[in-house]
Amino acid sequence: MNVTGKFARWGLAAAALLATTAPSFAANWVLPSAYPPANYHVENLNQFAKDIDEATKGELKITVHPNASLFKAPDIKRAVQTGQAQVGEVLLSLHENENPVFGLDVVPFLATSFDQSKKLYDASKPAIEQALDKQGLKLLYATPWPPQGIFTKKDVNSVADLKGLKWRAYNVGTSRIAEIVGAQPVTVQAAELPQALATGVVDGLMTSSATGVDSKIWESLTHYYDTQAWIPKNAIFVNKAAFAALDPATQKAVTDAAAAAESRGWALAAERTKSYMDTLKKNGMQVLEPSAELKTGLSEVGAKLTEDWSKKAGADGQAILDAYKR
């Protein structure tokens, strides 16, 4: 054998040896969330990351950054789109201005139980996936919050009693409710809510019992009306380019973990709702059923917002509503 042939064989052998002995390099992703570590959404994110770590034997590690510590809630989606973070979790309705489908789940009294909310999600999911895909994102899963109620520090027997309140707004729907009932909308995200309550920036809001517990709302407000107005969802998505860079086995590990997280998240929401309500009561909140007059007034607000949404969403939105109502 000539020298050239020997070197060629040695080169192939060396390449084979390197292929079997060279270390593999784990991918390290960051996942920002706007909610505190004890919130069940964040607990679910941590389990999602753990499942992926175990399934990939450490080849893909995801670090969850809770409590808006990495990006504020309205900035998380853009951070994932631009590759500053690979995965993110947001309250989907924060971005209704970009596409009406992102705000469907906060139309009042359209879906007021977890079963109805899941049916609405199933009807709207293809449109949500398509909208995110156009923005360079892939939907991984979505999980609900508990039903939304009204927190105040006074009796509320009708929508007229909401007039003049400094009303916490965090999306298009909550701002529009303030406008309709004559309250003053004040934009406050979840991580900023405790301070806004403590300083009197906000004295009325519509949110979940979970957020009430997270923010220790009983330290500032006294009444909770269990209106069950809507059940909003968090969406968890990944940057499409980052996902495409994974090998097929790792991609499957991510989507399998996402499917498990979605099932777990819906179960956790239903399970924790009762405990959150109990916590509010134990800390002195008056947990009340809305009066018939308040229910009627809120239903009228809901009808206006449904009409608003339908006009914005057009024929595509109507198709989703028709699928949901079948």
C-alpha atoms as a PDB file:
ATOM      1  CA  MET A   1       0.000   0.000   0.000  1.00  0.00           C
ATOM      2  CA  ASN A   2       1.348   3.446  -0.864  1.00  0.00           C
ATOM      3  CA  VAL A   3       1.794   6.203   1.711  1.00  0.00           C
ATOM      4  CA  THR A   4      -1.186   8.145   0.454  1.00  0.00           C
ATOM      5  CA  GLY A   5      -3.437   5.123   0.965  1.00  0.00           C
ATOM      6  CA  LYS A   6      -2.126   4.611   4.482  1.00  0.00           C
ATOM      7  CA  PHE A   7      -2.791   8.241   5.407  1.00  0.00           C
ATOM      8  CA  ALA A   8      -6.277   7.988   3.944  1.00  0.00           C
ATOM      9  CA  ARG A   9      -6.982   4.888   6.052  1.00  0.00           C
ATOM     10  CA  TRP A  10      -5.510   6.497   9.167  1.00  0.00           C
ATOM     11  CA  GLY A  11      -7.618   9.602   8.466  1.00  0.00           C
ATOM     12  CA  LEU A  12     -10.803   7.556   8.253  1.00  0.00           C
ATOM     13  CA  ALA A  13      -9.906   5.683  11.428  1.00  0.00           C
ATOM     14  CA  ALA A  14      -9.202   8.940  13.254  1.00  0.00           C
ATOM     15  CA  ALA A  15     -12.514  10.389  12.096  1.00  0.00           C
ATOM     16  CA  ALA A  16     -14.344   7.297  13.318  1.00  0.00           C
ATOM     17  CA  LEU A  17     -12.560   7.491  16.660  1.00  0.00           C
ATOM     18  CA  LEU A  18     -13.469  11.162  17.051  1.00  0.00           C
ATOM     19  CA  ALA A  19     -17.082  10.419  16.211  1.00  0.00           C
ATOM     20  CA  THR A  20     -17.285   7.892  19.028  1.00  0.00           C
ATOM     21  CA  THR A  21     -15.237   9.736  21.621  1.00  0.00           C
ATOM     22  CA  ALA A  22     -15.884  13.453  20.976  1.00  0.00           C
ATOM     23  CA  PRO A  23     -18.071  15.027  23.649  1.00  0.00           C
ATOM     24  CA  SER A  24     -21.618  16.092  22.706  1.00  0.00           C
ATOM     25  CA  PHE A  25     -22.606  19.652  23.518  1.00  0.00           C
ATOM     26  CA  ALA A  26     -25.927  20.192  25.287  1.00  0.00           C
ATOM     27  CA  ALA A  27     -28.230  22.954  24.119  1.00  0.00           C
ATOM     28  CA  ASN A  28     -29.149  25.405  26.853  1.00  0.00           C
ATOM     29  CA  TRP A  29     -32.418  27.281  26.433  1.00  0.00           C
ATOM     30  CA  VAL A  30     -34.046  29.959  28.555  1.00  0.00           C
ATOM     31  CA  LEU A  31     -37.787  30.171  29.206  1.00  0.00           C
ATOM     32  CA  PRO A  32     -39.101  33.451  30.664  1.00  0.00           C
ATOM     33  CA  SER A  33     -42.422  33.574  32.524  1.00  0.00           C
ATOM     34  CA  ALA A  34     -44.224  36.482  34.189  1.00  0.00           C
ATOM     35  CA  TYR A  35     -45.498  34.554  37.212  1.00  0.00           C
ATOM     36  CA  PRO A  36     -44.066  33.770  40.665  1.00  0.00           C
ATOM     37  CA  PRO A  37     -42.282  30.466  41.370  1.00  0.00           C
ATOM     38  CA  ALA A  38     -45.135  29.072  43.491  1.00  0.00           C
ATOM     39  CA  ASN A  39     -47.728  29.609  40.758  1.00  0.00           C
ATOM     40  CA  TYR A  40     -48.917  26.336  39.230  1.00  0.00           C
ATOM     41  CA  HIS A  41     -48.120  27.563  35.715  1.00  0.00           C
ATOM     42  CA  VAL A  42     -44.468  27.929  36.724  1.00  0.00           C
ATOM     43  CA  GLU A  43     -44.517  24.592  38.552  1.00  0.00           C
ATOM     44  CA  ASN A  44     -45.750  23.079  35.299  1.00  0.00           C
ATOM     45  CA  LEU A  45     -43.009  24.820  33.317  1.00  0.00           C
ATOM     46  CA  ASN A  46     -40.376  23.418  35.677  1.00  0.00           C
ATOM     47  CA  GLN A  47     -41.766  19.901  35.238  1.00  0.00           C
ATOM     48  CA  PHE A  48     -41.841  20.423  31.459  1.00  0.00           C
ATOM     49  CA  ALA A  49     -38.142  21.371  31.550  1.00  0.00           C
ATOM     50  CA  LYS A  50     -37.322  18.421  33.805  1.00  0.00           C
ATOM     51  CA  ASP A  51     -39.114  15.985  31.488  1.00  0.00           C
ATOM     52  CA  ILE A  52     -37.099  17.236  28.519  1.00  0.00           C
ATOM     53  CA  ASP A  53     -33.832  17.064  30.449  1.00  0.00           C
ATOM     54  CA  GLU A  54     -34.530  13.445  31.396  1.00  0.00           C
ATOM     55  CA  ALA A  55     -35.797  12.405  27.959  1.00  0.00           C
ATOM     56  CA  THR A  56     -32.739  13.852  26.209  1.00  0.00           C
ATOM     57  CA  LYS A  57     -30.266  12.715  28.902  1.00  0.00           C
ATOM     58  CA  GLY A  58     -29.221  16.322  29.423  1.00  0.00           C
ATOM     59  CA  GLU A  59     -28.755  17.134  25.739  1.00  0.00           C
ATOM     60  CA  LEU A  60     -31.384  19.881  26.000  1.00  0.00           C
ATOM     61  CA  LYS A  61     -31.630  21.887  29.199  1.00  0.00           C
ATOM     62  CA  ILE A  62     -34.243  24.583  29.745  1.00  0.00           C
ATOM     63  CA  THR A  63     -33.880  27.152  32.526  1.00  0.00           C
ATOM     64  CA  VAL A  64     -37.151  28.726  33.643  1.00  0.00           C
ATOM     65  CA  HIS A  65     -36.956  32.398  34.673  1.00  0.00           C
ATOM     66  CA  PRO A  66     -40.152  33.234  36.634  1.00  0.00           C
ATOM     67  CA  ASN A  67     -41.673  36.461  37.953  1.00  0.00           C
ATOM     68  CA  ALA A  68     -40.764  38.574  34.897  1.00  0.00           C
ATOM     69  CA  SER A  69     -37.133  38.421  36.033  1.00  0.00           C
ATOM     70  CA  LEU A  70     -35.764  38.050  32.495  1.00  0.00           C
ATOM     71  CA  PHE A  71     -38.393  39.928  30.445  1.00  0.00           C
ATOM     72  CA  LYS A  72     -41.585  41.728  31.420  1.00  0.00           C
ATOM     73  CA  ALA A  73     -44.799  39.995  30.387  1.00  0.00           C
ATOM     74  CA  PRO A  74     -45.528  42.109  27.273  1.00  0.00           C
ATOM     75  CA  ASP A  75     -41.933  41.632  26.050  1.00  0.00           C
ATOM     76  CA  ILE A  76     -41.649  37.847  26.324  1.00  0.00           C
ATOM     77  CA  LYS A  77     -43.208  37.017  22.978  1.00  0.00           C
ATOM     78  CA  ARG A  78     -40.976  39.444  21.097  1.00  0.00           C
ATOM     79  CA  ALA A  79     -37.932  38.073  22.937  1.00  0.00           C
ATOM     80  CA  VAL A  80     -38.704  34.568  21.652  1.00  0.00           C
ATOM     81  CA  GLN A  81     -39.412  35.838  18.136  1.00  0.00           C
ATOM     82  CA  THR A  82     -36.032  37.576  18.008  1.00  0.00           C
ATOM     83  CA  GLY A  83     -34.101  34.687  19.562  1.00  0.00           C
ATOM     84  CA  GLN A  84     -33.265  36.414  22.846  1.00  0.00           C
ATOM     85  CA  ALA A  85     -35.051  33.475  24.471  1.00  0.00           C
ATOM     86  CA  GLN A  86     -35.783  30.138  22.850  1.00  0.00           C
ATOM     87  CA  VAL A  87     -39.071  29.374  24.623  1.00  0.00           C
ATOM     88  CA  GLY A  88     -41.591  31.595  26.384  1.00  0.00           C
ATOM     89  CA  GLU A  89     -44.864  31.648  28.254  1.00  0.00           C
ATOM     90  CA  VAL A  90     -47.372  34.481  27.924  1.00  0.00           C
ATOM     91  CA  LEU A  91     -50.978  35.222  28.674  1.00  0.00           C
ATOM     92  CA  LEU A  92     -52.182  34.897  25.112  1.00  0.00           C
ATOM     93  CA  SER A  93     -54.664  37.768  25.303  1.00  0.00           C
ATOM     94  CA  LEU A  94     -51.823  40.241  25.920  1.00  0.00           C
ATOM     95  CA  HIS A  95     -51.332  40.167  22.161  1.00  0.00           C
ATOM     96  CA  GLU A  96     -54.917  40.535  20.955  1.00  0.00           C
ATOM     97  CA  ASN A  97     -53.932  43.739  19.152  1.00  0.00           C
ATOM     98  CA  GLU A  98     -51.741  41.622  16.843  1.00  0.00           C
ATOM     99  CA  ASN A  99     -54.474  39.132  16.014  1.00  0.00           C
ATOM    100  CA  PRO A 100     -58.051  38.867  17.385  1.00  0.00           C
ATOM    101  CA  VAL A 101     -57.716  35.098  17.791  1.00  0.00           C
ATOM    102  CA  PHE A 102     -55.265  35.690  20.649  1.00  0.00           C
ATOM    103  CA  GLY A 103     -58.058  37.392  22.621  1.00  0.00           C
ATOM    104  CA  LEU A 104     -60.931  35.004  22.047  1.00  0.00           C
ATOM    105  CA  ASP A 105     -60.613  33.318  25.434  1.00  0.00           C
ATOM    106  CA  VAL A 106     -61.194  36.612  27.303  1.00  0.00           C
ATOM    107  CA  VAL A 107     -64.531  37.415  25.677  1.00  0.00           C
ATOM    108  CA  PRO A 108     -66.747  37.477  28.793  1.00  0.00           C
ATOM    109  CA  PHE A 109     -69.256  34.691  29.311  1.00  0.00           C
ATOM    110  CA  LEU A 110     -68.389  32.910  26.060  1.00  0.00           C
ATOM    111  CA  ALA A 111     -66.698  30.004  27.879  1.00  0.00           C
ATOM    112  CA  THR A 112     -67.134  29.954  31.663  1.00  0.00           C
ATOM    113  CA  SER A 113     -66.270  26.369  32.648  1.00  0.00           C
ATOM    114  CA  PHE A 114     -63.103  24.360  32.071  1.00  0.00           C
ATOM    115  CA  ASP A 115     -64.978  22.022  29.718  1.00  0.00           C
ATOM    116  CA  GLN A 116     -66.274  24.966  27.681  1.00  0.00           C
ATOM    117  CA  SER A 117     -62.843  26.594  27.706  1.00  0.00           C
ATOM    118  CA  LYS A 118     -61.193  23.418  26.412  1.00  0.00           C
ATOM    119  CA  LYS A 119     -63.785  23.179  23.641  1.00  0.00           C
ATOM    120  CA  LEU A 120     -63.134  26.816  22.706  1.00  0.00           C
ATOM    121  CA  TYR A 121     -59.379  26.181  22.706  1.00  0.00           C
ATOM    122  CA  ASP A 122     -59.780  23.131  20.461  1.00  0.00           C
ATOM    123  CA  ALA A 123     -61.900  25.190  18.035  1.00  0.00           C
ATOM    124  CA  SER A 124     -59.398  28.061  17.933  1.00  0.00           C
ATOM    125  CA  LYS A 125     -56.120  26.116  18.169  1.00  0.00           C
ATOM    126  CA  PRO A 126     -55.497  25.760  14.399  1.00  0.00           C
ATOM    127  CA  ALA A 127     -55.913  29.531  13.944  1.00  0.00           C
ATOM    128  CA  ILE A 128     -53.633  30.252  16.932  1.00  0.00           C
ATOM    129  CA  GLU A 129     -50.984  27.888  15.547  1.00  0.00           C
ATOM    130  CA  GLN A 130     -51.182  29.527  12.123  1.00  0.00           C
ATOM    131  CA  ALA A 131     -50.928  33.051  13.562  1.00  0.00           C
ATOM    132  CA  LEU A 132     -47.894  32.146  15.670  1.00  0.00           C
ATOM    133  CA  ASP A 133     -46.278  30.279  12.776  1.00  0.00           C
ATOM    134  CA  LYS A 134     -46.377  33.447  10.658  1.00  0.00           C
ATOM    135  CA  GLN A 135     -44.490  35.190  13.459  1.00  0.00           C
ATOM    136  CA  GLY A 136     -41.717  32.595  13.576  1.00  0.00           C
ATOM    137  CA  LEU A 137     -43.137  30.713  16.557  1.00  0.00           C
ATOM    138  CA  LYS A 138     -44.362  27.183  17.142  1.00  0.00           C
ATOM    139  CA  LEU A 139     -47.132  26.605  19.688  1.00  0.00           C
ATOM    140  CA  LEU A 140     -46.122  23.905  22.168  1.00  0.00           C
ATOM    141  CA  TYR A 141     -49.076  23.907  24.550  1.00  0.00           C
ATOM    142  CA  ALA A 142     -51.607  26.082  26.363  1.00  0.00           C
ATOM    143  CA  THR A 143     -52.995  25.926  29.894  1.00  0.00           C
ATOM    144  CA  PRO A 144     -55.856  27.795  31.598  1.00  0.00           C
ATOM    145  CA  TRP A 145     -56.203  30.049  34.589  1.00  0.00           C
ATOM    146  CA  PRO A 146     -59.078  29.695  37.064  1.00  0.00           C
ATOM    147  CA  PRO A 147     -62.290  31.555  36.157  1.00  0.00           C
ATOM    148  CA  GLN A 148     -62.153  35.339  36.466  1.00  0.00           C
ATOM    149  CA  GLY A 149     -63.934  37.238  39.228  1.00  0.00           C
ATOM    150  CA  ILE A 150     -64.122  40.808  40.513  1.00  0.00           C
ATOM    151  CA  PHE A 151     -61.971  42.049  43.416  1.00  0.00           C
ATOM    152  CA  THR A 152     -62.862  45.332  45.149  1.00  0.00           C
ATOM    153  CA  LYS A 153     -62.870  46.894  48.594  1.00  0.00           C
ATOM    154  CA  LYS A 154     -66.574  47.743  48.524  1.00  0.00           C
ATOM    155  CA  ASP A 155     -69.940  46.137  47.844  1.00  0.00           C
ATOM    156  CA  VAL A 156     -70.710  45.662  44.166  1.00  0.00           C
ATOM    157  CA  ASN A 157     -74.363  44.924  43.477  1.00  0.00           C
ATOM    158  CA  SER A 158     -74.510  46.134  39.886  1.00  0.00           C
ATOM    159  CA  VAL A 159     -72.132  47.253  37.134  1.00  0.00           C
ATOM    160  CA  ALA A 160     -72.959  50.838  38.149  1.00  0.00           C
ATOM    161  CA  ASP A 161     -70.985  50.201  41.352  1.00  0.00           C
ATOM    162  CA  LEU A 162     -67.844  49.699  39.248  1.00  0.00           C
ATOM    163  CA  LYS A 163     -67.967  53.272  37.969  1.00  0.00           C
ATOM    164  CA  GLY A 164     -64.977  55.349  39.015  1.00  0.00           C
ATOM    165  CA  LEU A 165     -62.844  52.442  40.214  1.00  0.00           C
ATOM    166  CA  LYS A 166     -59.147  52.476  39.334  1.00  0.00           C
ATOM    167  CA  TRP A 167     -59.476  49.296  37.308  1.00  0.00           C
ATOM    168  CA  ARG A 168     -56.482  47.099  36.599  1.00  0.00           C
ATOM    169  CA  ALA A 169     -56.216  46.434  32.866  1.00  0.00           C
ATOM    170  CA  TYR A 170     -53.795  43.955  31.314  1.00  0.00           C
ATOM    171  CA  ASN A 171     -55.244  43.335  27.849  1.00  0.00           C
ATOM    172  CA  VAL A 172     -57.757  44.695  25.336  1.00  0.00           C
ATOM    173  CA  GLY A 173     -60.720  42.991  27.008  1.00  0.00           C
ATOM    174  CA  THR A 174     -60.124  44.302  30.526  1.00  0.00           C
ATOM    175  CA  SER A 175     -59.514  47.815  29.186  1.00  0.00           C
ATOM    176  CA  ARG A 176     -62.752  47.664  27.218  1.00  0.00           C
ATOM    177  CA  ILE A 177     -64.695  46.507  30.297  1.00  0.00           C
ATOM    178  CA  ALA A 178     -63.407  49.555  32.176  1.00  0.00           C
ATOM    179  CA  GLU A 179     -64.577  51.827  29.364  1.00  0.00           C
ATOM    180  CA  ILE A 180     -68.057  50.279  29.261  1.00  0.00           C
ATOM    181  CA  VAL A 181     -68.701  50.410  33.027  1.00  0.00           C
ATOM    182  CA  GLY A 182     -67.114  53.818  33.554  1.00  0.00           C
ATOM    183  CA  ALA A 183     -64.053  52.678  35.489  1.00  0.00           C
ATOM    184  CA  GLN A 184     -60.583  54.143  35.010  1.00  0.00           C
ATOM    185  CA  PRO A 185     -58.281  51.587  33.270  1.00  0.00           C
ATOM    186  CA  VAL A 186     -54.752  51.334  34.679  1.00  0.00           C
ATOM    187  CA  THR A 187     -52.340  49.000  32.889  1.00  0.00           C
ATOM    188  CA  VAL A 188     -50.662  46.715  35.432  1.00  0.00           C
ATOM    189  CA  GLN A 189     -49.022  43.357  34.702  1.00  0.00           C
ATOM    190  CA  ALA A 190     -49.062  40.462  37.177  1.00  0.00           C
ATOM    191  CA  ALA A 191     -45.553  40.997  38.556  1.00  0.00           C
ATOM    192  CA  GLU A 192     -46.369  44.659  39.311  1.00  0.00           C
ATOM    193  CA  LEU A 193     -49.787  44.012  40.863  1.00  0.00           C
ATOM    194  CA  PRO A 194     -48.817  43.715  44.572  1.00  0.00           C
ATOM    195  CA  GLN A 195     -47.160  47.134  44.510  1.00  0.00           C
ATOM    196  CA  ALA A 196     -50.048  48.682  42.551  1.00  0.00           C
ATOM    197  CA  LEU A 197     -52.505  47.370  45.134  1.00  0.00           C
ATOM    198  CA  ALA A 198     -50.390  48.443  48.113  1.00  0.00           C
ATOM    199  CA  THR A 199     -50.002  51.986  46.799  1.00  0.00           C
ATOM    200  CA  GLY A 200     -53.629  52.418  45.759  1.00  0.00           C
ATOM    201  CA  VAL A 201     -52.862  52.645  42.055  1.00  0.00           C
ATOM    202  CA  VAL A 202     -55.544  49.973  41.621  1.00  0.00           C
ATOM    203  CA  ASP A 203     -58.673  49.459  43.744  1.00  0.00           C
ATOM    204  CA  GLY A 204     -60.678  47.166  41.487  1.00  0.00           C
ATOM    205  CA  LEU A 205     -59.893  44.415  39.033  1.00  0.00           C
ATOM    206  CA  MET A 206     -61.172  41.330  37.306  1.00  0.00           C
ATOM    207  CA  THR A 207     -58.728  38.441  37.576  1.00  0.00           C
ATOM    208  CA  SER A 208     -58.406  34.866  38.774  1.00  0.00           C
ATOM    209  CA  SER A 209     -58.337  33.608  42.334  1.00  0.00           C
ATOM    210  CA  ALA A 210     -54.805  32.386  41.523  1.00  0.00           C
ATOM    211  CA  THR A 211     -53.562  35.917  40.872  1.00  0.00           C
ATOM    212  CA  GLY A 212     -55.396  37.044  43.978  1.00  0.00           C
ATOM    213  CA  VAL A 213     -53.433  34.548  46.061  1.00  0.00           C
ATOM    214  CA  ASP A 214     -50.138  35.263  44.272  1.00  0.00           C
ATOM    215  CA  SER A 215     -50.479  38.975  45.072  1.00  0.00           C
ATOM    216  CA  LYS A 216     -51.873  38.519  48.619  1.00  0.00           C
ATOM    217  CA  ILE A 217     -54.763  40.651  47.497  1.00  0.00           C
ATOM    218  CA  TRP A 218     -56.455  40.468  50.918  1.00  0.00           C
ATOM    219  CA  GLU A 219     -53.844  42.920  52.196  1.00  0.00           C
ATOM    220  CA  SER A 220     -55.471  45.653  50.061  1.00  0.00           C
ATOM    221  CA  LEU A 221     -58.966  44.566  48.994  1.00  0.00           C
ATOM    222  CA  THR A 222     -61.868  42.935  50.830  1.00  0.00           C
ATOM    223  CA  HIS A 223     -64.466  41.554  48.384  1.00  0.00           C
ATOM    224  CA  TYR A 224     -64.300  38.854  45.724  1.00  0.00           C
ATOM    225  CA  TYR A 225     -67.286  38.254  43.447  1.00  0.00           C
ATOM    226  CA  ASP A 226     -67.154  34.848  41.789  1.00  0.00           C
ATOM    227  CA  THR A 227     -68.493  35.935  38.405  1.00  0.00           C
ATOM    228  CA  GLN A 228     -66.683  33.205  36.415  1.00  0.00           C
ATOM    229  CA  ALA A 229     -66.541  35.666  33.543  1.00  0.00           C
ATOM    230  CA  TRP A 230     -63.958  33.881  31.402  1.00  0.00           C
ATOM    231  CA  ILE A 231     -61.049  31.453  31.572  1.00  0.00           C
ATOM    232  CA  PRO A 232     -57.915  32.889  29.963  1.00  0.00           C
ATOM    233  CA  LYS A 233     -54.986  30.778  28.816  1.00  0.00           C
ATOM    234  CA  ASN A 234     -51.230  30.959  28.821  1.00  0.00           C
ATOM    235  CA  ALA A 235     -49.522  29.899  25.611  1.00  0.00           C
ATOM    236  CA  ILE A 236     -46.092  28.286  25.637  1.00  0.00           C
ATOM    237  CA  PHE A 237     -44.232  28.548  22.338  1.00  0.00           C
ATOM    238  CA  VAL A 238     -40.771  28.008  20.898  1.00  0.00           C
ATOM    239  CA  ASN A 239     -38.732  29.941  18.363  1.00  0.00           C
ATOM    240  CA  LYS A 240     -39.152  27.979  15.109  1.00  0.00           C
ATOM    241  CA  ALA A 241     -35.490  28.274  14.123  1.00  0.00           C
ATOM    242  CA  ALA A 242     -34.334  27.032  17.526  1.00  0.00           C
ATOM    243  CA  PHE A 243     -36.725  24.093  17.316  1.00  0.00           C
ATOM    244  CA  ALA A 244     -35.645  23.277  13.734  1.00  0.00           C
ATOM    245  CA  ALA A 245     -32.002  23.167  14.880  1.00  0.00           C
ATOM    246  CA  LEU A 246     -32.779  20.205  17.147  1.00  0.00           C
ATOM    247  CA  ASP A 247     -32.359  16.648  15.892  1.00  0.00           C
ATOM    248  CA  PRO A 248     -35.603  14.687  15.332  1.00  0.00           C
ATOM    249  CA  ALA A 249     -35.312  12.713  18.575  1.00  0.00           C
ATOM    250  CA  THR A 250     -34.933  15.893  20.634  1.00  0.00           C
ATOM    251  CA  GLN A 251     -37.799  17.550  18.787  1.00  0.00           C
ATOM    252  CA  LYS A 252     -39.983  14.586  19.722  1.00  0.00           C
ATOM    253  CA  ALA A 253     -38.872  14.856  23.352  1.00  0.00           C
ATOM    254  CA  VAL A 254     -39.990  18.499  23.354  1.00  0.00           C
ATOM    255  CA  THR A 255     -43.389  17.842  21.780  1.00  0.00           C
ATOM    256  CA  ASP A 256     -44.014  14.810  24.005  1.00  0.00           C
ATOM    257  CA  ALA A 257     -43.185  16.848  27.111  1.00  0.00           C
ATOM    258  CA  ALA A 258     -45.443  19.647  25.834  1.00  0.00           C
ATOM    259  CA  ALA A 259     -48.382  17.268  25.395  1.00  0.00           C
ATOM    260  CA  ALA A 260     -47.887  16.008  28.946  1.00  0.00           C
ATOM    261  CA  ALA A 261     -47.605  19.577  30.277  1.00  0.00           C
ATOM    262  CA  GLU A 262     -50.830  20.598  28.560  1.00  0.00           C
ATOM    263  CA  SER A 263     -52.792  17.720  30.122  1.00  0.00           C
ATOM    264  CA  ARG A 264     -51.195  18.350  33.500  1.00  0.00           C
ATOM    265  CA  GLY A 265     -51.853  22.108  33.292  1.00  0.00           C
ATOM    266  CA  TRP A 266     -55.571  21.728  32.629  1.00  0.00           C
ATOM    267  CA  ALA A 267     -55.872  19.288  35.517  1.00  0.00           C
ATOM    268  CA  LEU A 268     -53.883  21.571  37.834  1.00  0.00           C
ATOM    269  CA  ALA A 269     -56.089  24.569  37.016  1.00  0.00           C
ATOM    270  CA  ALA A 270     -59.245  22.714  38.008  1.00  0.00           C
ATOM    271  CA  GLU A 271     -57.612  21.206  41.088  1.00  0.00           C
ATOM    272  CA  ARG A 272     -56.112  24.458  42.384  1.00  0.00           C
ATOM    273  CA  THR A 273     -59.186  26.641  41.835  1.00  0.00           C
ATOM    274  CA  LYS A 274     -60.899  25.345  44.983  1.00  0.00           C
ATOM    275  CA  SER A 275     -57.750  25.700  47.101  1.00  0.00           C
ATOM    276  CA  TYR A 276     -57.252  29.286  45.905  1.00  0.00           C
ATOM    277  CA  MET A 277     -60.820  30.139  46.879  1.00  0.00           C
ATOM    278  CA  ASP A 278     -60.254  28.561  50.293  1.00  0.00           C
ATOM    279  CA  THR A 279     -57.073  30.610  50.737  1.00  0.00           C
ATOM    280  CA  LEU A 280     -58.925  33.838  49.962  1.00  0.00           C
ATOM    281  CA  LYS A 281     -61.546  32.994  52.598  1.00  0.00           C
ATOM    282  CA  LYS A 282     -58.951  31.978  55.201  1.00  0.00           C
ATOM    283  CA  ASN A 283     -57.295  35.366  54.801  1.00  0.00           C
ATOM    284  CA  GLY A 284     -60.484  37.306  55.429  1.00  0.00           C
ATOM    285  CA  MET A 285     -61.748  37.968  51.905  1.00  0.00           C
ATOM    286  CA  GLN A 286     -65.509  38.035  51.493  1.00  0.00           C
ATOM    287  CA  VAL A 287     -66.076  35.489  48.707  1.00  0.00           C
ATOM    288  CA  LEU A 288     -69.511  36.256  47.278  1.00  0.00           C
ATOM    289  CA  GLU A 289     -71.865  35.171  44.540  1.00  0.00           C
ATOM    290  CA  PRO A 290     -72.767  38.031  42.168  1.00  0.00           C
ATOM    291  CA  SER A 291     -76.271  39.427  42.518  1.00  0.00           C
ATOM    292  CA  ALA A 292     -78.817  38.864  39.763  1.00  0.00           C
ATOM    293  CA  GLU A 293     -78.492  42.529  38.789  1.00  0.00           C
ATOM    294  CA  LEU A 294     -74.700  42.279  38.558  1.00  0.00           C
ATOM    295  CA  LYS A 295     -74.967  39.090  36.477  1.00  0.00           C
ATOM    296  CA  THR A 296     -77.382  40.775  34.081  1.00  0.00           C
ATOM    297  CA  GLY A 297     -75.181  43.837  33.723  1.00  0.00           C
ATOM    298  CA  LEU A 298     -72.057  41.759  33.132  1.00  0.00           C
ATOM    299  CA  SER A 299     -73.887  39.651  30.546  1.00  0.00           C
ATOM    300  CA  GLU A 300     -74.737  42.848  28.669  1.00  0.00           C
ATOM    301  CA  VAL A 301     -71.063  43.866  28.797  1.00  0.00           C
ATOM    302  CA  GLY A 302     -70.183  40.401  27.509  1.00  0.00           C
ATOM    303  CA  ALA A 303     -72.591  40.727  24.591  1.00  0.00           C
ATOM    304  CA  LYS A 304     -70.963  44.024  23.573  1.00  0.00           C
ATOM    305  CA  LEU A 305     -67.478  42.529  23.764  1.00  0.00           C
ATOM    306  CA  THR A 306     -68.517  39.447  21.780  1.00  0.00           C
ATOM    307  CA  GLU A 307     -69.830  41.770  19.086  1.00  0.00           C
ATOM    308  CA  ASP A 308     -66.597  43.793  19.196  1.00  0.00           C
ATOM    309  CA  TRP A 309     -64.501  40.653  18.824  1.00  0.00           C
ATOM    310  CA  SER A 310     -66.610  39.240  16.001  1.00  0.00           C
ATOM    311  CA  LYS A 311     -66.296  42.456  13.994  1.00  0.00           C
ATOM    312  CA  LYS A 312     -62.507  42.464  14.387  1.00  0.00           C
ATOM    313  CA  ALA A 313     -62.101  38.776  13.602  1.00  0.00           C
ATOM    314  CA  GLY A 314     -64.359  38.747  10.535  1.00  0.00           C
ATOM    315  CA  ALA A 315     -65.307  35.555   8.713  1.00  0.00           C
ATOM    316  CA  ASP A 316     -62.422  33.540  10.180  1.00  0.00           C
ATOM    317  CA  GLY A 317     -63.497  34.463  13.680  1.00  0.00           C
ATOM    318  CA  GLN A 318     -67.097  33.590  12.966  1.00  0.00           C
ATOM    319  CA  ALA A 319     -65.977  30.183  11.704  1.00  0.00           C
ATOM    320  CA  ILE A 320     -64.249  29.552  15.051  1.00  0.00           C
ATOM    321  CA  LEU A 321     -67.360  30.621  16.983  1.00  0.00           C
ATOM    322  CA  ASP A 322     -69.535  28.378  14.807  1.00  0.00           C
ATOM    323  CA  ALA A 323     -67.205  25.398  15.418  1.00  0.00           C
ATOM    324  CA  TYR A 324     -67.272  26.079  19.168  1.00  0.00           C
ATOM    325  CA  LYS A 325     -71.067  26.306  19.316  1.00  0.00           C
ATOM    326  CA  ARG A 326     -71.697  23.058  17.407  1.00  0.00           C
END
